[in-house]
N, C-alpha and C. Protein backbone atom coordinates (compact mmCIF):
# COMPACT_ATOMS: atom_id res chain seq x y z
N UNK A 1 122.64 159.75 52.10
CA UNK A 1 123.18 161.07 52.23
C UNK A 1 121.72 161.61 51.23
N UNK A 2 122.40 163.28 51.48
CA UNK A 2 121.27 163.87 50.93
C UNK A 2 121.55 164.74 50.14
N UNK A 3 120.68 165.40 48.96
CA UNK A 3 121.49 167.07 48.11
C UNK A 3 120.03 168.14 48.59
N UNK A 4 120.70 168.89 48.74
CA UNK A 4 120.12 170.50 49.22
C UNK A 4 120.33 171.38 47.88
N UNK A 5 119.10 171.83 46.91
CA UNK A 5 119.58 172.83 45.87
C UNK A 5 118.88 173.67 46.37
N UNK A 6 119.72 174.85 46.22
CA UNK A 6 118.97 176.80 46.60
C UNK A 6 119.39 176.89 45.44
N UNK A 7 117.97 177.35 44.62
CA UNK A 7 117.50 177.24 42.77
C UNK A 7 117.22 179.11 43.00
N UNK A 8 117.75 180.07 42.57
CA UNK A 8 117.89 181.57 42.52
C UNK A 8 117.21 181.69 41.21
N UNK A 9 116.17 182.83 40.62
CA UNK A 9 116.30 183.31 39.40
C UNK A 9 117.11 184.36 39.63
N UNK A 10 117.87 185.50 39.74
CA UNK A 10 118.91 186.27 39.39
C UNK A 10 117.90 187.53 38.51
N UNK A 11 118.25 188.58 39.41
CA UNK A 11 118.43 189.84 38.33
C UNK A 11 118.00 190.09 37.03
N UNK A 12 117.53 190.24 36.74
CA UNK A 12 118.69 191.00 34.53
C UNK A 12 120.19 191.40 35.46
N UNK A 13 120.80 190.08 34.87
CA UNK A 13 122.21 190.75 34.17
C UNK A 13 123.26 190.84 35.58
N UNK A 14 122.07 189.99 36.28
CA UNK A 14 122.82 189.71 38.06
C UNK A 14 123.41 188.11 37.96
N UNK A 15 123.16 187.70 37.27
CA UNK A 15 123.27 185.47 37.13
C UNK A 15 124.40 185.76 37.13
N UNK A 16 125.41 185.50 36.22
CA UNK A 16 127.22 185.40 36.19
C UNK A 16 127.50 185.67 37.55
N UNK A 17 127.12 187.12 37.85
CA UNK A 17 127.56 187.72 39.15
C UNK A 17 127.71 187.64 40.04
N UNK A 18 126.09 186.81 39.97
CA UNK A 18 125.62 185.99 41.40
C UNK A 18 126.14 185.16 41.54
N UNK A 19 126.50 184.15 40.57
CA UNK A 19 127.38 182.55 40.28
C UNK A 19 129.00 182.83 40.77
N UNK A 20 129.10 183.94 40.59
CA UNK A 20 130.61 183.41 40.33
C UNK A 20 131.33 184.39 41.78
N UNK A 21 130.06 185.22 42.76
CA UNK A 21 129.91 185.15 44.17
C UNK A 21 129.74 183.92 44.60
N UNK A 22 128.97 182.77 45.13
CA UNK A 22 128.65 181.37 44.64
C UNK A 22 129.57 180.91 45.17
N UNK A 23 130.68 180.69 44.17
CA UNK A 23 131.92 179.61 43.80
C UNK A 23 132.45 180.33 44.46
N UNK A 24 132.93 181.99 45.13
CA UNK A 24 134.21 182.24 45.43
C UNK A 24 133.17 181.47 46.89
N UNK A 25 132.28 181.42 46.99
CA UNK A 25 132.40 181.56 48.66
C UNK A 25 131.94 180.44 49.37
N UNK A 26 131.85 178.72 47.63
CA UNK A 26 131.72 177.46 48.56
C UNK A 26 132.79 177.00 47.87
N UNK A 27 133.26 177.72 46.92
CA UNK A 27 134.25 176.94 45.96
C UNK A 27 135.53 175.63 45.84
N UNK A 28 135.94 176.12 47.04
CA UNK A 28 136.84 175.42 47.64
C UNK A 28 136.18 173.91 48.21
N UNK A 29 134.71 174.41 48.81
CA UNK A 29 134.57 172.97 49.01
C UNK A 29 134.15 171.56 48.11
N UNK A 30 134.40 170.97 48.15
CA UNK A 30 134.15 169.31 46.96
C UNK A 30 132.67 168.98 46.84
N UNK A 31 131.96 169.27 48.18
CA UNK A 31 130.06 168.65 48.77
C UNK A 31 129.67 169.90 47.27
N UNK A 32 129.67 171.04 47.04
CA UNK A 32 129.11 171.83 46.40
C UNK A 32 129.49 171.79 45.27
N UNK A 33 127.59 171.82 44.32
CA UNK A 33 128.16 172.84 42.70
C UNK A 33 127.26 174.15 42.69
N UNK A 34 128.23 174.27 42.11
CA UNK A 34 127.50 176.22 41.41
C UNK A 34 127.50 176.01 40.12
N UNK A 35 125.61 176.20 40.23
CA UNK A 35 125.21 175.79 37.58
C UNK A 35 124.92 177.15 37.30
N UNK A 36 124.85 177.20 36.31
CA UNK A 36 123.61 178.24 36.03
C UNK A 36 122.99 177.47 34.75
N UNK A 37 121.88 177.78 34.13
CA UNK A 37 120.85 177.79 33.30
C UNK A 37 121.79 177.78 31.91
N UNK A 38 120.94 176.04 30.94
CA UNK A 38 121.96 176.34 29.64
C UNK A 38 120.47 176.60 28.68
N UNK A 39 119.90 175.03 29.51
CA UNK A 39 118.52 175.94 28.68
C UNK A 39 117.44 175.75 30.05
N UNK A 40 116.03 176.04 29.07
CA UNK A 40 115.55 175.98 30.55
C UNK A 40 115.30 178.23 31.30
N UNK A 41 114.51 178.11 32.63
CA UNK A 41 114.09 179.06 32.13
C UNK A 41 115.60 180.48 33.19
N UNK A 42 115.37 181.32 32.28
CA UNK A 42 117.12 182.50 31.61
C UNK A 42 117.48 182.52 33.00
N UNK A 43 118.67 183.13 33.89
CA UNK A 43 118.98 183.66 34.90
C UNK A 43 118.67 183.08 35.94
N UNK A 44 118.85 181.53 35.44
CA UNK A 44 119.24 180.42 37.30
C UNK A 44 119.86 180.36 37.57
N UNK A 45 120.16 180.42 38.81
CA UNK A 45 121.94 179.83 39.37
C UNK A 45 121.35 178.60 40.87
N UNK A 46 121.46 177.66 40.84
CA UNK A 46 121.91 176.45 41.26
C UNK A 46 123.17 175.85 42.62
N UNK A 47 122.31 175.99 43.32
CA UNK A 47 124.01 175.63 44.48
C UNK A 47 123.45 174.82 45.17
N UNK A 48 124.28 173.37 44.80
CA UNK A 48 123.30 172.07 45.10
C UNK A 48 125.47 170.83 46.04
N UNK A 49 124.51 171.05 47.07
CA UNK A 49 125.39 170.84 47.98
C UNK A 49 124.95 169.47 48.73
N UNK A 50 126.09 168.08 48.80
CA UNK A 50 125.83 166.99 49.31
C UNK A 50 125.88 167.17 50.75
N UNK A 51 125.22 166.46 51.63
CA UNK A 51 125.20 166.33 52.90
C UNK A 51 125.46 164.87 53.51
N UNK A 52 126.12 164.44 54.98
CA UNK A 52 125.74 163.10 55.13
C UNK A 52 123.40 163.00 55.44
N UNK A 53 123.70 164.29 55.77
CA UNK A 53 122.04 164.48 56.63
C UNK A 53 121.69 164.96 56.73
N UNK A 54 119.81 165.18 56.36
CA UNK A 54 119.47 165.98 57.06
C UNK A 54 119.00 167.27 58.82
N UNK A 55 119.87 166.32 59.82
CA UNK A 55 120.18 166.76 60.72
C UNK A 55 121.29 167.99 60.76
N UNK A 56 122.87 167.03 59.91
CA UNK A 56 123.86 167.86 59.54
C UNK A 56 123.43 169.43 58.46
N UNK A 57 122.60 169.24 57.92
CA UNK A 57 121.60 170.69 57.12
C UNK A 57 121.58 171.38 57.85
N UNK A 58 119.53 171.16 58.88
CA UNK A 58 119.68 171.81 59.86
C UNK A 58 121.05 173.18 60.83
N UNK A 59 121.50 171.60 60.83
CA UNK A 59 122.60 172.96 62.11
C UNK A 59 123.39 173.36 61.54
N UNK A 60 123.08 173.37 60.24
CA UNK A 60 124.31 174.23 59.36
C UNK A 60 123.35 175.99 59.20
N UNK A 61 121.89 175.28 59.37
CA UNK A 61 121.09 176.50 59.31
C UNK A 61 120.39 177.06 60.26
N UNK A 62 120.86 176.38 61.05
CA UNK A 62 120.55 176.52 62.15
C UNK A 62 121.94 177.61 62.85
N UNK A 63 123.27 178.01 62.09
CA UNK A 63 124.12 178.00 62.39
C UNK A 63 123.94 180.03 61.85
N UNK A 64 123.83 179.36 61.32
CA UNK A 64 124.00 180.71 58.88
C UNK A 64 123.06 181.71 60.42
N UNK A 65 121.13 181.14 60.90
CA UNK A 65 120.27 181.87 61.24
C UNK A 65 120.59 182.83 63.18
N UNK A 66 121.65 181.44 63.69
CA UNK A 66 122.03 182.68 63.97
C UNK A 66 123.21 184.04 63.90
N UNK A 67 123.20 183.68 63.25
CA UNK A 67 125.07 184.90 62.25
C UNK A 67 126.29 184.14 62.75
N UNK A 68 126.16 183.13 63.11
CA UNK A 68 127.98 182.49 63.58
C UNK A 68 127.84 182.78 62.64
N UNK A 69 129.69 183.99 62.44
CA UNK A 69 130.46 183.78 60.27
C UNK A 69 130.82 181.53 60.55
N UNK A 70 131.02 181.02 58.80
CA UNK A 70 131.28 180.46 59.14
C UNK A 70 132.64 180.18 59.23
N UNK A 71 133.90 179.28 59.78
CA UNK A 71 134.93 179.64 60.02
C UNK A 71 135.80 178.41 58.79
N UNK A 72 134.85 178.52 58.40
CA UNK A 72 134.86 177.96 56.25
C UNK A 72 135.37 179.17 54.96
N UNK A 73 135.35 180.15 55.24
CA UNK A 73 134.94 181.37 54.72
C UNK A 73 135.86 182.32 55.31
N UNK A 74 136.54 182.54 53.96
CA UNK A 74 136.98 183.83 54.54
C UNK A 74 135.97 185.13 54.88
N UNK A 75 136.72 185.62 55.83
CA UNK A 75 135.73 187.01 55.72
C UNK A 75 135.41 187.99 55.16
N UNK A 76 136.44 188.27 54.23
CA UNK A 76 135.52 189.65 53.25
C UNK A 76 134.68 188.60 52.37
N UNK A 77 135.11 187.54 52.05
CA UNK A 77 133.96 187.41 51.19
C UNK A 77 132.59 186.96 51.66
N UNK A 78 132.55 186.57 53.02
CA UNK A 78 131.56 186.22 54.27
C UNK A 78 131.01 187.89 54.06
N UNK A 79 131.30 188.74 54.09
CA UNK A 79 130.82 190.45 53.76
C UNK A 79 130.62 190.51 52.30
N UNK A 80 131.34 190.33 51.39
CA UNK A 80 130.26 189.94 50.08
C UNK A 80 128.93 189.35 50.42
N UNK A 81 128.93 188.21 50.44
CA UNK A 81 127.58 187.37 50.77
C UNK A 81 126.95 187.96 50.95
N UNK A 82 127.35 188.78 52.59
CA UNK A 82 125.73 189.89 52.80
C UNK A 82 125.10 190.83 52.00
N UNK A 83 124.95 191.04 50.80
CA UNK A 83 124.36 191.07 50.14
C UNK A 83 123.60 191.28 48.36
N UNK A 84 123.84 189.08 49.26
CA UNK A 84 124.28 188.02 48.28
C UNK A 84 122.18 188.43 47.48
N UNK A 85 121.51 188.42 48.19
CA UNK A 85 120.27 188.77 47.90
C UNK A 85 119.61 190.12 47.22
N UNK A 86 121.16 190.98 46.98
CA UNK A 86 119.51 191.77 46.28
C UNK A 86 119.79 191.47 44.73
N UNK A 87 120.28 190.47 44.78
CA UNK A 87 121.46 190.16 43.25
C UNK A 87 119.96 188.78 42.32
N UNK A 88 118.58 188.38 43.69
CA UNK A 88 117.77 188.19 42.37
C UNK A 88 116.03 188.36 42.98
N UNK A 89 115.87 188.25 41.95
CA UNK A 89 114.18 187.69 42.25
C UNK A 89 113.36 187.02 43.46
N UNK A 90 113.26 185.63 43.25
CA UNK A 90 113.09 184.92 43.92
C UNK A 90 113.73 183.29 44.23
N UNK A 91 113.82 183.26 45.15
CA UNK A 91 115.18 180.93 45.05
C UNK A 91 113.69 180.52 45.49
N UNK A 92 114.24 178.80 45.73
CA UNK A 92 113.62 177.83 46.93
C UNK A 92 114.73 176.77 46.81
N UNK A 93 113.83 175.60 47.38
CA UNK A 93 114.84 175.21 48.04
C UNK A 93 114.20 173.66 48.12
N UNK A 94 115.45 172.89 47.22
CA UNK A 94 114.95 171.62 47.19
C UNK A 94 114.77 170.81 47.30
N UNK A 95 115.05 169.65 48.47
CA UNK A 95 116.01 168.85 49.18
C UNK A 95 115.57 166.95 48.95
N UNK A 96 115.97 166.89 48.82
CA UNK A 96 116.64 165.04 48.43
C UNK A 96 117.25 164.09 48.22
N UNK A 97 116.70 163.13 48.64
CA UNK A 97 117.68 161.65 49.68
C UNK A 97 117.78 160.39 48.43
N UNK A 98 119.21 160.83 48.86
CA UNK A 98 119.69 159.31 47.41
C UNK A 98 119.36 158.03 48.15
N UNK A 99 119.15 157.76 46.83
CA UNK A 99 118.43 155.94 46.67
C UNK A 99 120.55 155.01 46.76
N UNK A 100 119.97 154.31 47.88
CA UNK A 100 121.21 153.47 47.49
C UNK A 100 120.62 152.17 47.99
């Protein structure tokens, strides 16, 4: 099992909007959590995903890069998501393997 964290530093005034957009896009997926800072760097939004393997994550990334629409996502939400890059300054990805 792996955990992927997409960590964003939102532009001032955009963190809650970005978090709500991610919640709208991924909120029904039980393997995804959306988090915002409580203590730490301001304007931080984290999308945390749990996946079975790195290969599964790589497949999803290839689909995303190819422009293939996510069949699980409402097309209207997908259109809103196309503008999420305007809401943050920087971001990073963290990938962890769980110890079983």
